[in-house]
Structures are given as structure tokens and as C-alpha cells.
Amino acid sequence: MTRDDIVQLILTERARQFNLPGREFDVTNSPNDWVAIIASYSLDCITRNHRKPDVHYYEESLVKAAAVILAALEHMDMMKKEGHFQ
């Protein structure tokens, strides 16, 4: 898979997330909220109880985490306005 393929997967996932119900509340997320969501997707795909993750599930989880990182970056201006940064 090429880098362009990976970026396209992330953009497709971001579009899917953007169209989900409740997305309008993203503007209220703090940096901690975004990190928690990213961590949730990242932790979902780790080895547990000596069971290795399925490669498809691992890729899917990483793409979802990357799309959430993109969402957080899209909301930086709002987080700045809300005073979440020094």
C-alpha cells in the first residue's frame, strides 16, 4: 500500500466520522478529550493476553486514530478560542 493509499483511507474515514450523528459536539472537545479518543482507538489494537491483533483490525484502528487526529487539528482554532492553550 502506498502513502497516497493510506492518506486516502484516512480521508475516507474522516469523511465517515464527519457524517456521524453527534459530530456537531466535536467543537466542545478539549485536548484531553481528543487524546482520549485517539488512545481508545490505539489501545484497541494492541496485543492482549498473548493474542496478537488481526492485521485488518489493526490497520482499521490506526486509520480511525489518524482520522481523529485530523479532526483534532481541524478543531484547533476552536480549542484556542475556548482557552485550552497558554
Protein backbone atom coordinates (compact mmCIF):
# COMPACT_ATOMS: atom_id res chain seq x y z
CA MET A 1 0.00 0.00 0.00
CA THR A 2 1.37 3.39 -0.94
CA ARG A 3 1.40 6.53 1.21
CA ASP A 4 -1.26 8.01 -1.07
CA ASP A 5 -3.44 4.94 -0.45
CA ILE A 6 -3.01 5.36 3.30
CA VAL A 7 -3.83 9.07 3.18
CA GLN A 8 -6.93 8.28 1.14
CA LEU A 9 -8.05 5.72 3.74
CA ILE A 10 -7.64 8.35 6.47
CA LEU A 11 -9.57 10.97 4.46
CA THR A 12 -12.35 8.48 3.75
CA GLU A 13 -12.58 7.60 7.44
CA ARG A 14 -12.59 11.28 8.39
CA ALA A 15 -15.50 11.88 5.99
CA ARG A 16 -17.35 8.93 7.56
CA GLN A 17 -16.74 10.30 11.05
CA PHE A 18 -17.81 13.79 9.96
CA ASN A 19 -21.16 12.42 8.79
CA LEU A 20 -21.91 10.54 12.03
CA PRO A 21 -24.63 11.80 14.38
CA GLY A 22 -23.19 13.77 17.28
CA ARG A 23 -20.33 15.16 15.27
CA GLU A 24 -21.67 18.65 15.94
CA PHE A 25 -20.44 18.26 19.52
CA ASP A 26 -16.81 17.92 18.39
CA VAL A 27 -16.38 21.66 18.86
CA THR A 28 -16.77 21.17 22.61
CA ASN A 29 -13.90 18.67 22.85
CA SER A 30 -10.85 19.66 24.84
CA PRO A 31 -7.32 18.47 24.03
CA ASN A 32 -7.81 15.80 26.72
CA ASP A 33 -11.00 14.60 25.01
CA TRP A 34 -9.23 14.26 21.68
CA VAL A 35 -6.30 12.39 23.21
CA ALA A 36 -8.70 10.02 25.00
CA ILE A 37 -10.48 9.21 21.73
CA ILE A 38 -7.17 8.69 19.92
CA ALA A 39 -5.91 6.48 22.75
CA SER A 40 -9.10 4.43 22.67
CA TYR A 41 -8.59 3.54 19.01
CA SER A 42 -4.86 2.99 19.53
CA LEU A 43 -5.29 0.75 22.56
CA ASP A 44 -7.97 -1.31 20.84
CA CYS A 45 -5.41 -2.88 18.56
CA ILE A 46 -2.64 -3.91 20.96
CA THR A 47 -1.69 -7.44 21.91
CA ARG A 48 -3.62 -8.66 24.95
CA ASN A 49 -3.46 -11.96 26.77
CA HIS A 50 -0.82 -13.11 24.29
CA ARG A 51 -3.34 -12.74 21.45
CA LYS A 52 -1.97 -10.79 18.54
CA PRO A 53 -4.31 -8.34 16.82
CA ASP A 54 -5.83 -9.18 13.47
CA VAL A 55 -3.94 -7.25 10.78
CA HIS A 56 -7.14 -5.83 9.24
CA TYR A 57 -8.44 -4.71 12.63
CA TYR A 58 -5.04 -3.22 13.48
CA GLU A 59 -4.97 -1.21 10.25
CA GLU A 60 -8.58 -0.10 10.70
CA SER A 61 -7.90 1.08 14.25
CA LEU A 62 -4.83 3.05 13.20
CA VAL A 63 -6.74 4.68 10.33
CA LYS A 64 -9.52 5.66 12.75
CA ALA A 65 -6.98 7.11 15.20
CA ALA A 66 -5.32 9.06 12.38
CA ALA A 67 -8.70 10.44 11.27
CA VAL A 68 -9.41 11.56 14.84
CA ILE A 69 -6.02 13.29 14.93
CA LEU A 70 -7.07 15.08 11.75
CA ALA A 71 -10.35 16.09 13.42
CA ALA A 72 -8.47 17.45 16.44
CA LEU A 73 -6.26 19.51 14.14
CA GLU A 74 -9.36 20.79 12.35
CA HIS A 75 -10.70 21.99 15.70
CA MET A 76 -7.52 23.73 16.90
CA ASP A 77 -8.96 27.21 16.32
CA MET A 78 -11.99 26.42 18.47
CA MET A 79 -9.83 24.96 21.24
CA LYS A 80 -7.68 28.11 21.14
CA LYS A 81 -10.79 30.31 21.39
CA GLU A 82 -12.04 28.25 24.34
CA GLY A 83 -8.77 28.92 26.18
CA HIS A 84 -7.44 25.36 26.21
CA PHE A 85 -3.91 26.54 25.46
CA GLN A 86 -1.47 29.01 27.01
